[in-house]
Amino acid sequence: MEKRPLKIGLSARLMHTPPKELGFRNKVLQYIEQSIAHWVMAHGALAFMVPTLETGGEVQRSSLSIKSVVHELDALLLQGGSDVCPLSYGEEALRPEWSGDRIRDLYEIELFWEFVFQRKPVLGICRGAQLINVAMGGTLYQDILTQHPDAHPHVDADLYDKYSHRIEILPESHLAQLYPEYAAAHVNSIHHQAVKDLGNDLAIEAVSAQDRIVEAIRWKGEGFVAGFQWHPEFHGSNRNLLDSAPALLDFLFAAEQQRDSR
């Protein structure tokens, strides 16, 4: 019998106040960015957005639980997007514009832990990597340039995903096994926040070459939990940037093993 395709859950980005031009006045939009869905689907997996479940909403928790949603999926991919709210790691925002999205944090943290409890792989991209660190008890730099004395810019508003920098892959790490020919590589950089205090039972797998900002993390426990600060889904066929295929295939292989063990 032919095996069914992998079903990968993608956490939703939230737009709380969409512009009126979109035609959704006073409505909240939940969505996924096209590149990340296509990145997953390029290797035969199916991508499913996992919407939030709100108490008092039309979809009640009594009729559909996070547990039952996760049961139907093989793995979780935490998208990038808005800042993680400082309240989620016990701090106040240093500036109003760094307040982040507390609603999304709570939704994704609950989703993250349910996948972990069900022993299903989790991969975090950019914000997703930061969210994993926070969920595991870590903290973030609310703004790298403000809080890191030796920092270099990690974002360029004009260049966006064309802006890149060099990372160093730590020897003996799982990431080093995926990229044995690379001690260092270039990746895109689209973030002003980053891991500060490392979460419990997490290991650093890559750092930025210029200022040692954390660029990749992985859980030391059993199962697959990893996060990349860059956006591998934006690398495409750019030969100057780290090939995203080995990292994705590693994630999908873990999901496949989990699926086949049920």
Protein backbone atom coordinates (compact mmCIF):
# COMPACT_ATOMS: atom_id res chain seq x y z
CA MET A 1 0.00 0.00 0.00
CA GLU A 2 1.31 3.43 -0.94
CA LYS A 3 2.05 5.59 2.05
CA ARG A 4 0.06 8.78 2.43
CA PRO A 5 1.88 12.10 2.02
CA LEU A 6 3.25 13.78 5.11
CA LYS A 7 0.91 16.31 6.68
CA ILE A 8 2.87 19.29 7.99
CA GLY A 9 1.10 21.82 10.18
CA LEU A 10 2.08 25.47 9.72
CA SER A 11 1.32 27.88 12.53
CA ALA A 12 -0.70 30.87 11.36
CA ARG A 13 0.53 34.41 11.02
CA LEU A 14 -2.00 36.84 12.49
CA MET A 15 -3.04 40.20 11.06
CA HIS A 16 -5.11 41.84 13.80
CA THR A 17 -5.92 45.06 11.93
CA PRO A 18 -5.83 44.41 8.18
CA PRO A 19 -5.85 47.48 5.91
CA LYS A 20 -9.29 48.44 4.69
CA GLU A 21 -8.20 47.82 1.09
CA LEU A 22 -8.38 44.09 1.80
CA GLY A 23 -12.08 44.34 2.60
CA PHE A 24 -11.96 42.86 6.11
CA ARG A 25 -12.95 45.70 8.43
CA ASN A 26 -12.57 44.83 12.13
CA LYS A 27 -11.62 41.25 11.27
CA VAL A 28 -8.53 39.20 12.11
CA LEU A 29 -6.74 37.43 9.27
CA GLN A 30 -4.83 34.19 9.74
CA TYR A 31 -2.52 33.24 6.89
CA ILE A 32 0.65 31.54 5.70
CA GLU A 33 3.33 33.06 3.48
CA GLN A 34 3.52 31.36 0.09
CA SER A 35 7.25 30.58 0.07
CA ILE A 36 7.17 28.45 3.21
CA ALA A 37 4.22 26.38 1.99
CA HIS A 38 5.89 25.81 -1.39
CA TRP A 39 9.19 24.96 0.33
CA VAL A 40 7.51 22.14 2.27
CA MET A 41 5.43 20.96 -0.68
CA ALA A 42 8.43 20.84 -3.04
CA HIS A 43 9.37 17.49 -1.50
CA GLY A 44 5.92 15.94 -1.64
CA ALA A 45 4.56 16.89 1.78
CA LEU A 46 1.21 18.59 2.27
CA ALA A 47 1.06 21.92 4.12
CA PHE A 48 -1.88 22.67 6.43
CA MET A 49 -2.32 25.95 8.27
CA VAL A 50 -3.37 25.45 11.90
CA PRO A 51 -5.75 28.28 12.89
CA THR A 52 -6.06 29.55 16.45
CA LEU A 53 -8.91 28.34 18.64
CA GLU A 54 -10.43 31.08 20.79
CA THR A 55 -12.66 30.71 23.81
CA GLY A 56 -16.00 32.26 22.92
CA GLY A 57 -15.39 32.02 19.18
CA GLU A 58 -17.46 30.10 16.67
CA VAL A 59 -15.09 27.13 16.94
CA GLN A 60 -15.26 26.05 20.57
CA ARG A 61 -12.48 24.20 22.37
CA SER A 62 -15.13 21.80 23.66
CA SER A 63 -15.75 20.59 20.11
CA LEU A 64 -12.19 20.72 18.73
CA SER A 65 -9.07 20.55 20.86
CA ILE A 66 -5.44 21.32 20.09
CA LYS A 67 -4.71 17.70 21.00
CA SER A 68 -7.06 16.37 18.34
CA VAL A 69 -5.66 18.74 15.70
CA VAL A 70 -2.07 17.71 16.43
CA HIS A 71 -3.08 14.04 16.34
CA GLU A 72 -3.96 14.44 12.65
CA LEU A 73 -0.61 16.00 11.69
CA ASP A 74 2.92 14.62 11.42
CA ALA A 75 5.02 17.68 12.30
CA LEU A 76 4.89 21.42 13.00
CA LEU A 77 6.59 24.29 11.21
CA LEU A 78 6.52 27.56 13.15
CA GLN A 79 6.49 30.46 10.69
CA GLY A 80 8.32 33.75 10.97
CA GLY A 81 6.56 37.07 11.36
CA SER A 82 5.88 39.50 14.17
CA ASP A 83 8.08 39.92 17.25
CA VAL A 84 7.66 37.64 20.24
CA CYS A 85 6.07 39.69 23.04
CA PRO A 86 8.52 40.44 25.90
CA LEU A 87 5.78 39.51 28.38
CA SER A 88 6.16 35.93 27.13
CA TYR A 89 9.64 35.80 28.68
CA GLY A 90 8.96 37.93 31.75
CA GLU A 91 9.99 41.37 30.50
CA GLU A 92 8.34 44.66 29.61
CA ALA A 93 8.76 46.07 26.12
CA LEU A 94 11.59 48.61 25.99
CA ARG A 95 9.72 50.43 23.21
CA PRO A 96 6.05 50.24 22.14
CA GLU A 97 7.02 48.99 18.69
CA TRP A 98 8.72 45.98 20.28
CA SER A 99 5.56 44.81 22.08
CA GLY A 100 5.14 41.89 19.68
CA ASP A 101 2.10 39.66 19.40
CA ARG A 102 1.18 38.12 22.76
CA ILE A 103 -1.92 36.45 21.31
CA ARG A 104 0.13 34.61 18.72
CA ASP A 105 2.73 33.68 21.36
CA LEU A 106 0.16 31.96 23.57
CA TYR A 107 -1.33 30.11 20.61
CA GLU A 108 2.03 28.93 19.28
CA ILE A 109 3.45 27.95 22.68
CA GLU A 110 0.42 25.74 23.35
CA LEU A 111 0.73 24.27 19.85
CA PHE A 112 4.47 23.70 20.30
CA TRP A 113 4.08 21.80 23.56
CA GLU A 114 1.30 19.60 22.22
CA PHE A 115 3.51 18.51 19.32
CA VAL A 116 6.36 17.85 21.76
CA PHE A 117 4.07 15.84 24.07
CA GLN A 118 2.93 13.76 21.10
CA ARG A 119 6.59 13.26 20.10
CA LYS A 120 6.17 14.94 16.73
CA PRO A 121 8.91 17.04 15.07
CA VAL A 122 8.94 20.83 15.38
CA LEU A 123 10.97 23.23 13.23
CA GLY A 124 11.00 26.97 13.92
CA ILE A 125 11.95 29.58 11.33
CA CYS A 126 13.14 33.05 12.45
CA ARG A 127 10.42 34.08 14.93
CA GLY A 128 9.67 30.36 15.22
CA ALA A 129 13.18 29.66 16.51
CA GLN A 130 12.83 32.50 19.02
CA LEU A 131 9.44 31.14 20.10
CA ILE A 132 10.97 27.71 20.76
CA ASN A 133 13.65 29.33 22.92
CA VAL A 134 11.03 31.26 24.91
CA ALA A 135 8.78 28.20 25.28
CA MET A 136 11.78 26.35 26.74
CA GLY A 137 12.39 29.10 29.33
CA GLY A 138 14.83 31.32 27.44
CA THR A 139 14.83 35.05 26.73
CA LEU A 140 15.44 37.29 23.71
CA TYR A 141 17.23 40.45 22.78
CA GLN A 142 14.29 42.78 22.18
CA ASP A 143 16.53 44.63 19.73
CA ILE A 144 20.00 43.34 18.88
CA LEU A 145 21.63 46.69 18.15
CA THR A 146 20.23 48.23 21.35
CA GLN A 147 21.07 45.42 23.75
CA HIS A 148 24.17 43.75 22.29
CA PRO A 149 27.24 46.01 22.60
CA ASP A 150 29.20 44.33 19.79
CA ALA A 151 26.31 43.67 17.43
CA HIS A 152 26.24 44.15 13.69
CA PRO A 153 23.00 44.80 11.77
CA HIS A 154 20.95 41.66 11.20
CA VAL A 155 18.29 43.31 9.07
CA ASP A 156 18.16 45.77 6.18
CA ALA A 157 14.70 47.13 5.44
CA ASP A 158 15.57 47.97 1.85
CA LEU A 159 17.35 44.73 0.92
CA TYR A 160 15.00 42.50 2.99
CA ASP A 161 15.68 38.86 2.04
CA LYS A 162 18.56 39.87 -0.23
CA TYR A 163 20.53 40.90 2.87
CA SER A 164 22.83 38.12 4.06
CA HIS A 165 25.68 37.44 6.44
CA ARG A 166 28.08 34.68 7.38
CA ILE A 167 27.35 32.07 10.03
CA GLU A 168 29.62 29.52 11.65
CA ILE A 169 28.28 25.99 12.14
CA LEU A 170 29.45 24.49 15.41
CA PRO A 171 31.50 21.30 15.00
CA GLU A 172 29.99 18.08 16.36
CA SER A 173 26.49 19.56 16.05
CA HIS A 174 23.64 17.89 14.18
CA LEU A 175 23.72 20.79 11.73
CA ALA A 176 27.38 20.06 11.03
CA GLN A 177 26.41 16.50 10.15
CA LEU A 178 23.86 17.83 7.66
CA TYR A 179 26.45 20.12 6.09
CA PRO A 180 29.78 18.29 6.49
CA GLU A 181 31.45 20.39 3.79
CA TYR A 182 30.64 23.68 5.55
CA ALA A 183 32.28 25.09 8.65
CA ALA A 184 30.73 28.42 7.65
CA ALA A 185 28.12 29.59 5.17
CA HIS A 186 26.05 32.60 4.15
CA VAL A 187 22.35 32.85 5.02
CA ASN A 188 19.78 35.61 4.69
CA SER A 189 19.15 37.78 7.73
CA ILE A 190 15.78 39.46 8.38
CA HIS A 191 15.57 39.88 12.15
CA HIS A 192 16.19 42.53 14.78
CA GLN A 193 15.56 40.19 17.73
CA ALA A 194 17.49 37.05 18.69
CA VAL A 195 18.13 34.45 21.38
CA LYS A 196 19.67 36.00 24.50
CA ASP A 197 19.51 33.48 27.37
CA LEU A 198 19.31 29.96 25.98
CA GLY A 199 16.26 27.91 26.89
CA ASN A 200 16.40 24.74 28.99
CA ASP A 201 17.91 21.67 27.30
CA LEU A 202 18.70 23.55 24.10
CA ALA A 203 22.04 23.52 22.29
CA ILE A 204 23.47 26.19 20.01
CA GLU A 205 24.30 24.83 16.54
CA ALA A 206 25.31 27.98 14.64
CA VAL A 207 26.24 31.59 15.38
CA SER A 208 26.75 34.69 13.26
CA ALA A 209 30.42 35.09 12.46
CA GLN A 210 30.68 38.80 13.27
CA ASP A 211 29.00 39.05 16.66
CA ARG A 212 28.24 35.47 17.82
CA ILE A 213 24.47 35.99 17.83
CA VAL A 214 22.70 32.61 17.99
CA GLU A 215 21.58 31.46 14.53
CA ALA A 216 20.48 27.85 15.10
CA ILE A 217 19.30 25.85 18.11
CA ARG A 218 18.31 22.25 18.76
CA TRP A 219 16.71 20.39 21.65
CA LYS A 220 19.03 17.96 23.46
CA GLY A 221 16.18 15.61 24.36
CA GLU A 222 14.65 12.76 22.39
CA GLY A 223 12.74 13.77 19.31
CA PHE A 224 13.16 16.56 16.79
CA VAL A 225 12.97 20.21 17.90
CA ALA A 226 15.13 22.71 16.02
CA GLY A 227 15.15 26.36 15.01
CA PHE A 228 16.90 28.47 12.38
CA GLN A 229 17.16 32.23 12.70
CA TRP A 230 17.38 32.64 8.92
CA HIS A 231 14.65 31.92 6.35
CA PRO A 232 15.73 28.82 4.38
CA GLU A 233 12.52 29.00 2.36
CA PHE A 234 13.78 32.26 0.82
CA HIS A 235 17.14 30.84 -0.32
CA GLY A 236 15.76 29.24 -3.46
CA SER A 237 18.45 28.42 -6.00
CA ASN A 238 20.87 31.13 -4.83
CA ARG A 239 24.21 29.32 -4.82
CA ASN A 240 25.74 32.00 -2.61
CA LEU A 241 23.48 30.96 0.27
CA LEU A 242 23.33 27.75 2.28
CA ASP A 243 21.39 25.04 0.46
CA SER A 244 18.10 24.66 2.32
CA ALA A 245 17.35 21.14 1.08
CA PRO A 246 19.38 19.11 3.63
CA ALA A 247 17.74 20.91 6.57
CA LEU A 248 14.25 20.43 5.16
CA LEU A 249 14.79 16.79 4.23
CA ASP A 250 16.10 16.11 7.74
CA PHE A 251 12.90 17.58 9.19
CA LEU A 252 10.69 15.64 6.78
CA PHE A 253 12.60 12.42 7.49
CA ALA A 254 11.90 12.87 11.20
CA ALA A 255 8.23 13.45 10.37
CA GLU A 256 8.20 10.34 8.19
CA GLN A 257 9.66 8.22 10.98
CA GLN A 258 7.03 9.50 13.37
CA ARG A 259 4.23 8.83 10.89
CA ASP A 260 5.39 5.29 10.19
CA SER A 261 5.75 4.46 13.88
CA ARG A 262 2.05 5.01 14.58
